[in-house]
Amino acid sequence: MNKSELIDAIASAANLSKADAGRALNATTDAITGAMASGDGVQLTGFGSFVVRDRAARTGRNPQTGASIQIKASKV
């Protein structure tokens, strides 16, 4: 399901116009990404949780050359 299909499903289930459903979905995703950007997690009971995790630096391998490379730490 892509974003437009999700908007259609929300509009149908909540008896909203597609424009209102789209604004509601955008507000929801903006709130989740804003919370995650500030380091907070979001838990939606019965659905799931969104949290930022730290991924440690590690050694990888370039598949074309076989050379070892250092992969930097990141947040996922």
PDB file of N, CA and C in Angstrom:
ATOM      1  N   MET A   1       0.855  -1.176   0.000  1.00  0.00           N
ATOM      2  CA  MET A   1       0.000   0.000   0.000  1.00  0.00           C
ATOM      3  C   MET A   1       0.898   1.235   0.000  1.00  0.00           C
ATOM      4  N   ASN A   2       0.617   2.159  -0.895  1.00  0.00           N
ATOM      5  CA  ASN A   2       1.381   3.399  -0.918  1.00  0.00           C
ATOM      6  C   ASN A   2       0.598   4.511  -0.212  1.00  0.00           C
ATOM      7  N   LYS A   3       1.163   5.714  -0.197  1.00  0.00           N
ATOM      8  CA  LYS A   3       0.560   6.809   0.568  1.00  0.00           C
ATOM      9  C   LYS A   3      -0.829   7.168   0.051  1.00  0.00           C
ATOM     10  N   SER A   4      -1.011   7.234  -1.253  1.00  0.00           N
ATOM     11  CA  SER A   4      -2.327   7.610  -1.781  1.00  0.00           C
ATOM     12  C   SER A   4      -3.372   6.539  -1.489  1.00  0.00           C
ATOM     13  N   GLU A   5      -2.977   5.281  -1.513  1.00  0.00           N
ATOM     14  CA  GLU A   5      -3.909   4.211  -1.157  1.00  0.00           C
ATOM     15  C   GLU A   5      -4.262   4.276   0.326  1.00  0.00           C
ATOM     16  N   LEU A   6      -3.291   4.625   1.164  1.00  0.00           N
ATOM     17  CA  LEU A   6      -3.550   4.780   2.591  1.00  0.00           C
ATOM     18  C   LEU A   6      -4.502   5.941   2.841  1.00  0.00           C
ATOM     19  N   ILE A   7      -4.318   7.040   2.129  1.00  0.00           N
ATOM     20  CA  ILE A   7      -5.228   8.182   2.259  1.00  0.00           C
ATOM     21  C   ILE A   7      -6.639   7.780   1.856  1.00  0.00           C
ATOM     22  N   ASP A   8      -6.782   7.028   0.773  1.00  0.00           N
ATOM     23  CA  ASP A   8      -8.101   6.548   0.346  1.00  0.00           C
ATOM     24  C   ASP A   8      -8.745   5.679   1.423  1.00  0.00           C
ATOM     25  N   ALA A   9      -7.952   4.792   2.038  1.00  0.00           N
ATOM     26  CA  ALA A   9      -8.480   3.909   3.077  1.00  0.00           C
ATOM     27  C   ALA A   9      -8.902   4.699   4.309  1.00  0.00           C
ATOM     28  N   ILE A  10      -8.110   5.691   4.702  1.00  0.00           N
ATOM     29  CA  ILE A  10      -8.456   6.527   5.854  1.00  0.00           C
ATOM     30  C   ILE A  10      -9.725   7.310   5.567  1.00  0.00           C
ATOM     31  N   ALA A  11      -9.812   7.887   4.377  1.00  0.00           N
ATOM     32  CA  ALA A  11     -10.989   8.675   4.005  1.00  0.00           C
ATOM     33  C   ALA A  11     -12.245   7.820   4.038  1.00  0.00           C
ATOM     34  N   SER A  12     -12.143   6.608   3.543  1.00  0.00           N
ATOM     35  CA  SER A  12     -13.298   5.711   3.519  1.00  0.00           C
ATOM     36  C   SER A  12     -13.696   5.265   4.923  1.00  0.00           C
ATOM     37  N   ALA A  13     -12.714   4.885   5.738  1.00  0.00           N
ATOM     38  CA  ALA A  13     -13.004   4.367   7.075  1.00  0.00           C
ATOM     39  C   ALA A  13     -13.512   5.444   8.021  1.00  0.00           C
ATOM     40  N   ALA A  14     -13.023   6.675   7.871  1.00  0.00           N
ATOM     41  CA  ALA A  14     -13.392   7.745   8.803  1.00  0.00           C
ATOM     42  C   ALA A  14     -14.436   8.694   8.220  1.00  0.00           C
ATOM     43  N   ASN A  15     -14.941   8.380   7.030  1.00  0.00           N
ATOM     44  CA  ASN A  15     -15.947   9.210   6.371  1.00  0.00           C
ATOM     45  C   ASN A  15     -15.449  10.653   6.225  1.00  0.00           C
ATOM     46  N   LEU A  16     -14.224  10.792   5.714  1.00  0.00           N
ATOM     47  CA  LEU A  16     -13.597  12.090   5.484  1.00  0.00           C
ATOM     48  C   LEU A  16     -13.368  12.286   3.992  1.00  0.00           C
ATOM     49  N   SER A  17     -13.163  13.529   3.601  1.00  0.00           N
ATOM     50  CA  SER A  17     -12.744  13.774   2.225  1.00  0.00           C
ATOM     51  C   SER A  17     -11.289  13.328   2.092  1.00  0.00           C
ATOM     52  N   LYS A  18     -10.863  13.081   0.855  1.00  0.00           N
ATOM     53  CA  LYS A  18      -9.477  12.668   0.643  1.00  0.00           C
ATOM     54  C   LYS A  18      -8.517  13.772   1.076  1.00  0.00           C
ATOM     55  N   ALA A  19      -8.909  15.026   0.886  1.00  0.00           N
ATOM     56  CA  ALA A  19      -8.051  16.142   1.296  1.00  0.00           C
ATOM     57  C   ALA A  19      -7.874  16.160   2.809  1.00  0.00           C
ATOM     58  N   ASP A  20      -8.975  15.967   3.555  1.00  0.00           N
ATOM     59  CA  ASP A  20      -8.888  15.941   5.016  1.00  0.00           C
ATOM     60  C   ASP A  20      -8.075  14.743   5.496  1.00  0.00           C
ATOM     61  N   ALA A  21      -8.278  13.590   4.864  1.00  0.00           N
ATOM     62  CA  ALA A  21      -7.521  12.395   5.236  1.00  0.00           C
ATOM     63  C   ALA A  21      -6.038  12.597   4.946  1.00  0.00           C
ATOM     64  N   GLY A  22      -5.718  13.241   3.839  1.00  0.00           N
ATOM     65  CA  GLY A  22      -4.326  13.523   3.501  1.00  0.00           C
ATOM     66  C   GLY A  22      -3.679  14.458   4.505  1.00  0.00           C
ATOM     67  N   ARG A  23      -4.419  15.491   4.918  1.00  0.00           N
ATOM     68  CA  ARG A  23      -3.884  16.413   5.930  1.00  0.00           C
ATOM     69  C   ARG A  23      -3.684  15.697   7.260  1.00  0.00           C
ATOM     70  N   ALA A  24      -4.607  14.811   7.620  1.00  0.00           N
ATOM     71  CA  ALA A  24      -4.476  14.058   8.872  1.00  0.00           C
ATOM     72  C   ALA A  24      -3.255  13.141   8.827  1.00  0.00           C
ATOM     73  N   LEU A  25      -3.064  12.465   7.711  1.00  0.00           N
ATOM     74  CA  LEU A  25      -1.905  11.578   7.574  1.00  0.00           C
ATOM     75  C   LEU A  25      -0.607  12.377   7.606  1.00  0.00           C
ATOM     76  N   ASN A  26      -0.569  13.501   6.907  1.00  0.00           N
ATOM     77  CA  ASN A  26       0.634  14.340   6.911  1.00  0.00           C
ATOM     78  C   ASN A  26       0.932  14.873   8.307  1.00  0.00           C
ATOM     79  N   ALA A  27      -0.100  15.269   9.043  1.00  0.00           N
ATOM     80  CA  ALA A  27       0.099  15.757  10.413  1.00  0.00           C
ATOM     81  C   ALA A  27       0.642  14.645  11.302  1.00  0.00           C
ATOM     82  N   THR A  28       0.143  13.435  11.115  1.00  0.00           N
ATOM     83  CA  THR A  28       0.607  12.297  11.902  1.00  0.00           C
ATOM     84  C   THR A  28       2.072  11.991  11.614  1.00  0.00           C
ATOM     85  N   THR A  29       2.426  11.906  10.342  1.00  0.00           N
ATOM     86  CA  THR A  29       3.816  11.599  10.002  1.00  0.00           C
ATOM     87  C   THR A  29       4.751  12.734  10.407  1.00  0.00           C
ATOM     88  N   ASP A  30       4.293  13.979  10.317  1.00  0.00           N
ATOM     89  CA  ASP A  30       5.114  15.108  10.768  1.00  0.00           C
ATOM     90  C   ASP A  30       5.365  15.043  12.271  1.00  0.00           C
ATOM     91  N   ALA A  31       4.344  14.670  13.038  1.00  0.00           N
ATOM     92  CA  ALA A  31       4.497  14.562  14.490  1.00  0.00           C
ATOM     93  C   ALA A  31       5.467  13.439  14.850  1.00  0.00           C
ATOM     94  N   ILE A  32       5.375  12.319  14.155  1.00  0.00           N
ATOM     95  CA  ILE A  32       6.267  11.190  14.423  1.00  0.00           C
ATOM     96  C   ILE A  32       7.705  11.551  14.066  1.00  0.00           C
ATOM     97  N   THR A  33       7.921  12.123  12.886  1.00  0.00           N
ATOM     98  CA  THR A  33       9.286  12.473  12.489  1.00  0.00           C
ATOM     99  C   THR A  33       9.859  13.581  13.363  1.00  0.00           C
ATOM    100  N   GLY A  34       9.025  14.510  13.806  1.00  0.00           N
ATOM    101  CA  GLY A  34       9.494  15.559  14.709  1.00  0.00           C
ATOM    102  C   GLY A  34       9.940  15.001  16.044  1.00  0.00           C
ATOM    103  N   ALA A  35       9.160  14.063  16.574  1.00  0.00           N
ATOM    104  CA  ALA A  35       9.526  13.437  17.844  1.00  0.00           C
ATOM    105  C   ALA A  35      10.822  12.650  17.699  1.00  0.00           C
ATOM    106  N   MET A  36      10.968  11.930  16.603  1.00  0.00           N
ATOM    107  CA  MET A  36      12.176  11.138  16.395  1.00  0.00           C
ATOM    108  C   MET A  36      13.389  12.031  16.169  1.00  0.00           C
ATOM    109  N   ALA A  37      13.213  13.157  15.490  1.00  0.00           N
ATOM    110  CA  ALA A  37      14.328  14.078  15.253  1.00  0.00           C
ATOM    111  C   ALA A  37      14.848  14.666  16.554  1.00  0.00           C
ATOM    112  N   SER A  38      13.958  14.826  17.537  1.00  0.00           N
ATOM    113  CA  SER A  38      14.391  15.363  18.828  1.00  0.00           C
ATOM    114  C   SER A  38      14.867  14.266  19.775  1.00  0.00           C
ATOM    115  N   GLY A  39      14.910  13.020  19.303  1.00  0.00           N
ATOM    116  CA  GLY A  39      15.440  11.923  20.099  1.00  0.00           C
ATOM    117  C   GLY A  39      14.402  11.141  20.874  1.00  0.00           C
ATOM    118  N   ASP A  40      13.138  11.504  20.743  1.00  0.00           N
ATOM    119  CA  ASP A  40      12.071  10.790  21.442  1.00  0.00           C
ATOM    120  C   ASP A  40      11.560   9.639  20.582  1.00  0.00           C
ATOM    121  N   GLY A  41      10.985   8.654  21.230  1.00  0.00           N
ATOM    122  CA  GLY A  41      10.330   7.572  20.527  1.00  0.00           C
ATOM    123  C   GLY A  41       8.828   7.784  20.544  1.00  0.00           C
ATOM    124  N   VAL A  42       8.137   7.090  19.658  1.00  0.00           N
ATOM    125  CA  VAL A  42       6.679   7.168  19.596  1.00  0.00           C
ATOM    126  C   VAL A  42       6.145   5.747  19.678  1.00  0.00           C
ATOM    127  N   GLN A  43       5.247   5.500  20.639  1.00  0.00           N
ATOM    128  CA  GLN A  43       4.633   4.182  20.779  1.00  0.00           C
ATOM    129  C   GLN A  43       3.146   4.302  20.520  1.00  0.00           C
ATOM    130  N   LEU A  44       2.655   3.515  19.570  1.00  0.00           N
ATOM    131  CA  LEU A  44       1.236   3.459  19.268  1.00  0.00           C
ATOM    132  C   LEU A  44       0.754   2.071  19.673  1.00  0.00           C
ATOM    133  N   THR A  45       0.065   1.998  20.799  1.00  0.00           N
ATOM    134  CA  THR A  45      -0.375   0.725  21.342  1.00  0.00           C
ATOM    135  C   THR A  45      -1.238  -0.008  20.321  1.00  0.00           C
ATOM    136  N   GLY A  46      -0.931  -1.271  20.118  1.00  0.00           N
ATOM    137  CA  GLY A  46      -1.667  -2.089  19.173  1.00  0.00           C
ATOM    138  C   GLY A  46      -1.170  -1.945  17.745  1.00  0.00           C
ATOM    139  N   PHE A  47      -0.210  -1.061  17.516  1.00  0.00           N
ATOM    140  CA  PHE A  47       0.308  -0.857  16.157  1.00  0.00           C
ATOM    141  C   PHE A  47       1.809  -1.090  16.092  1.00  0.00           C
ATOM    142  N   GLY A  48       2.566  -0.322  16.872  1.00  0.00           N
ATOM    143  CA  GLY A  48       4.019  -0.459  16.837  1.00  0.00           C
ATOM    144  C   GLY A  48       4.687   0.730  17.476  1.00  0.00           C
ATOM    145  N   SER A  49       6.005   0.753  17.386  1.00  0.00           N
ATOM    146  CA  SER A  49       6.757   1.860  17.962  1.00  0.00           C
ATOM    147  C   SER A  49       7.797   2.340  16.962  1.00  0.00           C
ATOM    148  N   PHE A  50       8.102   3.611  17.062  1.00  0.00           N
ATOM    149  CA  PHE A  50       9.091   4.255  16.213  1.00  0.00           C
ATOM    150  C   PHE A  50      10.172   4.809  17.126  1.00  0.00           C
ATOM    151  N   VAL A  51      11.386   4.312  16.996  1.00  0.00           N
ATOM    152  CA  VAL A  51      12.495   4.769  17.831  1.00  0.00           C
ATOM    153  C   VAL A  51      13.749   4.900  16.971  1.00  0.00           C
ATOM    154  N   VAL A  52      14.603   5.837  17.350  1.00  0.00           N
ATOM    155  CA  VAL A  52      15.892   6.007  16.689  1.00  0.00           C
ATOM    156  C   VAL A  52      16.893   5.126  17.419  1.00  0.00           C
ATOM    157  N   ARG A  53      17.631   4.343  16.666  1.00  0.00           N
ATOM    158  CA  ARG A  53      18.643   3.463  17.248  1.00  0.00           C
ATOM    159  C   ARG A  53      20.012   3.852  16.704  1.00  0.00           C
ATOM    160  N   ASP A  54      21.027   3.665  17.537  1.00  0.00           N
ATOM    161  CA  ASP A  54      22.402   3.918  17.117  1.00  0.00           C
ATOM    162  C   ASP A  54      22.983   2.649  16.511  1.00  0.00           C
ATOM    163  N   ARG A  55      23.588   2.794  15.358  1.00  0.00           N
ATOM    164  CA  ARG A  55      24.281   1.677  14.723  1.00  0.00           C
ATOM    165  C   ARG A  55      25.774   1.959  14.845  1.00  0.00           C
ATOM    166  N   ALA A  56      26.513   1.036  15.407  1.00  0.00           N
ATOM    167  CA  ALA A  56      27.946   1.220  15.653  1.00  0.00           C
ATOM    168  C   ALA A  56      28.733   1.202  14.344  1.00  0.00           C
ATOM    169  N   ALA A  57      29.910   1.813  14.383  1.00  0.00           N
ATOM    170  CA  ALA A  57      30.818   1.751  13.240  1.00  0.00           C
ATOM    171  C   ALA A  57      31.258   0.305  13.051  1.00  0.00           C
ATOM    172  N   ARG A  58      31.531  -0.047  11.803  1.00  0.00           N
ATOM    173  CA  ARG A  58      31.920  -1.427  11.537  1.00  0.00           C
ATOM    174  C   ARG A  58      32.756  -1.491  10.262  1.00  0.00           C
ATOM    175  N   THR A  59      33.391  -2.620  10.071  1.00  0.00           N
ATOM    176  CA  THR A  59      34.170  -2.839   8.863  1.00  0.00           C
ATOM    177  C   THR A  59      33.294  -3.555   7.855  1.00  0.00           C
ATOM    178  N   GLY A  60      33.262  -3.024   6.637  1.00  0.00           N
ATOM    179  CA  GLY A  60      32.496  -3.644   5.558  1.00  0.00           C
ATOM    180  C   GLY A  60      33.419  -4.024   4.419  1.00  0.00           C
ATOM    181  N   ARG A  61      32.834  -4.461   3.328  1.00  0.00           N
ATOM    182  CA  ARG A  61      33.627  -4.875   2.180  1.00  0.00           C
ATOM    183  C   ARG A  61      32.977  -4.325   0.918  1.00  0.00           C
ATOM    184  N   ASN A  62      33.793  -3.730   0.052  1.00  0.00           N
ATOM    185  CA  ASN A  62      33.312  -3.257  -1.237  1.00  0.00           C
ATOM    186  C   ASN A  62      33.069  -4.485  -2.111  1.00  0.00           C
ATOM    187  N   PRO A  63      31.829  -4.729  -2.553  1.00  0.00           N
ATOM    188  CA  PRO A  63      31.549  -5.951  -3.308  1.00  0.00           C
ATOM    189  C   PRO A  63      32.212  -5.982  -4.690  1.00  0.00           C
ATOM    190  N   GLN A  64      32.533  -4.816  -5.254  1.00  0.00           N
ATOM    191  CA  GLN A  64      33.164  -4.792  -6.577  1.00  0.00           C
ATOM    192  C   GLN A  64      34.652  -5.105  -6.512  1.00  0.00           C
ATOM    193  N   THR A  65      35.318  -4.555  -5.496  1.00  0.00           N
ATOM    194  CA  THR A  65      36.774  -4.725  -5.421  1.00  0.00           C
ATOM    195  C   THR A  65      37.208  -5.720  -4.356  1.00  0.00           C
ATOM    196  N   GLY A  66      36.348  -5.982  -3.391  1.00  0.00           N
ATOM    197  CA  GLY A  66      36.712  -6.868  -2.295  1.00  0.00           C
ATOM    198  C   GLY A  66      37.513  -6.170  -1.215  1.00  0.00           C
ATOM    199  N   ALA A  67      37.763  -4.877  -1.378  1.00  0.00           N
ATOM    200  CA  ALA A  67      38.551  -4.126  -0.403  1.00  0.00           C
ATOM    201  C   ALA A  67      37.740  -3.870   0.861  1.00  0.00           C
ATOM    202  N   SER A  68      38.418  -3.906   2.002  1.00  0.00           N
ATOM    203  CA  SER A  68      37.768  -3.595   3.273  1.00  0.00           C
ATOM    204  C   SER A  68      37.580  -2.090   3.383  1.00  0.00           C
ATOM    205  N   ILE A  69      36.429  -1.676   3.905  1.00  0.00           N
ATOM    206  CA  ILE A  69      36.149  -0.257   4.115  1.00  0.00           C
ATOM    207  C   ILE A  69      35.590  -0.077   5.514  1.00  0.00           C
ATOM    208  N   GLN A  70      35.773   1.107   6.056  1.00  0.00           N
ATOM    209  CA  GLN A  70      35.235   1.419   7.379  1.00  0.00           C
ATOM    210  C   GLN A  70      33.894   2.126   7.190  1.00  0.00           C
ATOM    211  N   ILE A  71      32.835   1.584   7.773  1.00  0.00           N
ATOM    212  CA  ILE A  71      31.503   2.178   7.709  1.00  0.00           C
ATOM    213  C   ILE A  71      31.295   2.964   8.994  1.00  0.00           C
ATOM    214  N   LYS A  72      30.926   4.240   8.862  1.00  0.00           N
ATOM    215  CA  LYS A  72      30.765   5.123  10.017  1.00  0.00           C
ATOM    216  C   LYS A  72      29.549   4.732  10.851  1.00  0.00           C
ATOM    217  N   ALA A  73      29.567   5.134  12.106  1.00  0.00           N
ATOM    218  CA  ALA A  73      28.407   4.956  12.981  1.00  0.00           C
ATOM    219  C   ALA A  73      27.271   5.818  12.442  1.00  0.00           C
ATOM    220  N   SER A  74      26.036   5.380  12.666  1.00  0.00           N
ATOM    221  CA  SER A  74      24.888   6.142  12.176  1.00  0.00           C
ATOM    222  C   SER A  74      23.687   5.906  13.075  1.00  0.00           C
ATOM    223  N   LYS A  75      22.667   6.676  12.837  1.00  0.00           N
ATOM    224  CA  LYS A  75      21.398   6.502  13.532  1.00  0.00           C
ATOM    225  C   LYS A  75      20.389   5.978  12.527  1.00  0.00           C
ATOM    226  N   VAL A  76      19.658   4.952  12.909  1.00  0.00           N
ATOM    227  CA  VAL A  76      18.643   4.372  12.026  1.00  0.00           C
ATOM    228  C   VAL A  76      17.316   4.303  12.726  1.00  0.00           C
TER     229      VAL A  76
END
